[in-house]
Amino acid sequence: ESEEEMEILLDNYPEAIECVEDEGKWFVQYTDYTAYPR
C-alpha cells in the first residue's frame, strides 16, 4: 500500500523526485530539496 500512496503523492506533485515519510507524516521533496507537508 505504501507504493500506491507514493504513486498518489507523485500524481499530486508531478515535480516531486522523492517521497519520504517522517514521523508518520508524508512529505514531498522537490528538486530544490524543500520538503512540503501534504
N, C-alpha and C. Protein backbone atom coordinates (compact mmCIF):
# COMPACT_ATOMS: atom_id res chain seq x y z
N GLU A 1 0.82 -1.19 0.00
CA GLU A 1 0.00 0.00 0.00
C GLU A 1 0.86 1.25 0.00
N SER A 2 2.02 1.17 0.60
CA SER A 2 2.89 2.34 0.65
C SER A 2 3.31 2.78 -0.75
N GLU A 3 3.51 1.81 -1.65
CA GLU A 3 3.88 2.16 -3.02
C GLU A 3 2.72 2.89 -3.70
N GLU A 4 1.49 2.44 -3.43
CA GLU A 4 0.33 3.11 -4.02
C GLU A 4 0.23 4.53 -3.49
N GLU A 5 0.46 4.69 -2.19
CA GLU A 5 0.42 6.03 -1.60
C GLU A 5 1.47 6.92 -2.24
N MET A 6 2.65 6.36 -2.48
CA MET A 6 3.72 7.14 -3.09
C MET A 6 3.33 7.56 -4.50
N GLU A 7 2.69 6.63 -5.24
CA GLU A 7 2.26 6.97 -6.60
C GLU A 7 1.23 8.09 -6.55
N ILE A 8 0.33 8.04 -5.57
CA ILE A 8 -0.68 9.09 -5.44
C ILE A 8 0.00 10.42 -5.14
N LEU A 9 0.99 10.39 -4.26
CA LEU A 9 1.72 11.62 -3.94
C LEU A 9 2.42 12.17 -5.17
N LEU A 10 3.03 11.28 -5.94
CA LEU A 10 3.73 11.72 -7.15
C LEU A 10 2.73 12.29 -8.16
N ASP A 11 1.51 11.74 -8.17
CA ASP A 11 0.48 12.28 -9.07
C ASP A 11 0.08 13.67 -8.61
N ASN A 12 0.00 13.87 -7.29
CA ASN A 12 -0.40 15.17 -6.76
C ASN A 12 0.71 16.20 -6.91
N TYR A 13 1.96 15.72 -6.89
CA TYR A 13 3.10 16.61 -7.03
C TYR A 13 4.00 16.09 -8.15
N PRO A 14 3.68 16.44 -9.41
CA PRO A 14 4.42 15.91 -10.55
C PRO A 14 5.90 16.26 -10.53
N GLU A 15 6.26 17.34 -9.85
CA GLU A 15 7.66 17.75 -9.83
C GLU A 15 8.45 17.04 -8.75
N ALA A 16 7.76 16.25 -7.94
CA ALA A 16 8.44 15.59 -6.82
C ALA A 16 9.38 14.51 -7.34
N ILE A 17 10.56 14.45 -6.77
CA ILE A 17 11.53 13.42 -7.16
C ILE A 17 11.60 12.32 -6.12
N GLU A 18 11.13 12.60 -4.91
CA GLU A 18 11.21 11.61 -3.85
C GLU A 18 10.14 11.87 -2.80
N CYS A 19 9.56 10.80 -2.28
CA CYS A 19 8.59 10.92 -1.20
C CYS A 19 9.15 10.24 0.03
N VAL A 20 9.15 10.95 1.12
CA VAL A 20 9.69 10.38 2.35
C VAL A 20 8.64 10.49 3.45
N GLU A 21 8.66 9.51 4.35
CA GLU A 21 7.74 9.53 5.48
C GLU A 21 8.51 9.88 6.74
N ASP A 22 8.16 11.00 7.37
CA ASP A 22 8.87 11.44 8.56
C ASP A 22 7.88 11.57 9.72
N GLU A 23 8.10 10.79 10.76
CA GLU A 23 7.27 10.82 11.96
C GLU A 23 5.81 10.61 11.61
N GLY A 24 5.55 9.71 10.66
CA GLY A 24 4.18 9.37 10.31
C GLY A 24 3.53 10.37 9.37
N LYS A 25 4.28 11.38 8.92
CA LYS A 25 3.70 12.37 8.01
C LYS A 25 4.39 12.28 6.66
N TRP A 26 3.60 12.36 5.60
CA TRP A 26 4.18 12.29 4.26
C TRP A 26 4.71 13.65 3.83
N PHE A 27 5.88 13.64 3.22
CA PHE A 27 6.43 14.87 2.66
C PHE A 27 6.84 14.63 1.22
N VAL A 28 6.72 15.65 0.41
CA VAL A 28 7.16 15.56 -0.98
C VAL A 28 8.39 16.43 -1.14
N GLN A 29 9.45 15.82 -1.63
CA GLN A 29 10.72 16.55 -1.76
C GLN A 29 10.94 16.94 -3.22
N TYR A 30 11.06 18.23 -3.47
CA TYR A 30 11.27 18.73 -4.82
C TYR A 30 12.76 18.78 -5.14
N THR A 31 13.05 19.14 -6.38
CA THR A 31 14.44 19.17 -6.83
C THR A 31 15.28 20.16 -6.02
N ASP A 32 14.64 21.15 -5.40
CA ASP A 32 15.40 22.10 -4.58
C ASP A 32 15.53 21.59 -3.14
N TYR A 33 15.13 20.33 -2.92
CA TYR A 33 15.27 19.68 -1.62
C TYR A 33 14.46 20.35 -0.53
N THR A 34 13.38 21.03 -0.93
CA THR A 34 12.49 21.62 0.06
C THR A 34 11.33 20.66 0.29
N ALA A 35 11.08 20.30 1.53
CA ALA A 35 10.02 19.34 1.83
C ALA A 35 8.71 20.08 2.11
N TYR A 36 7.66 19.63 1.43
CA TYR A 36 6.35 20.22 1.64
C TYR A 36 5.43 19.19 2.28
N PRO A 37 4.79 19.54 3.41
CA PRO A 37 3.85 18.61 4.03
C PRO A 37 2.60 18.46 3.17
N ARG A 38 2.05 17.26 3.12
CA ARG A 38 0.88 17.01 2.28
C ARG A 38 -0.35 17.57 2.98
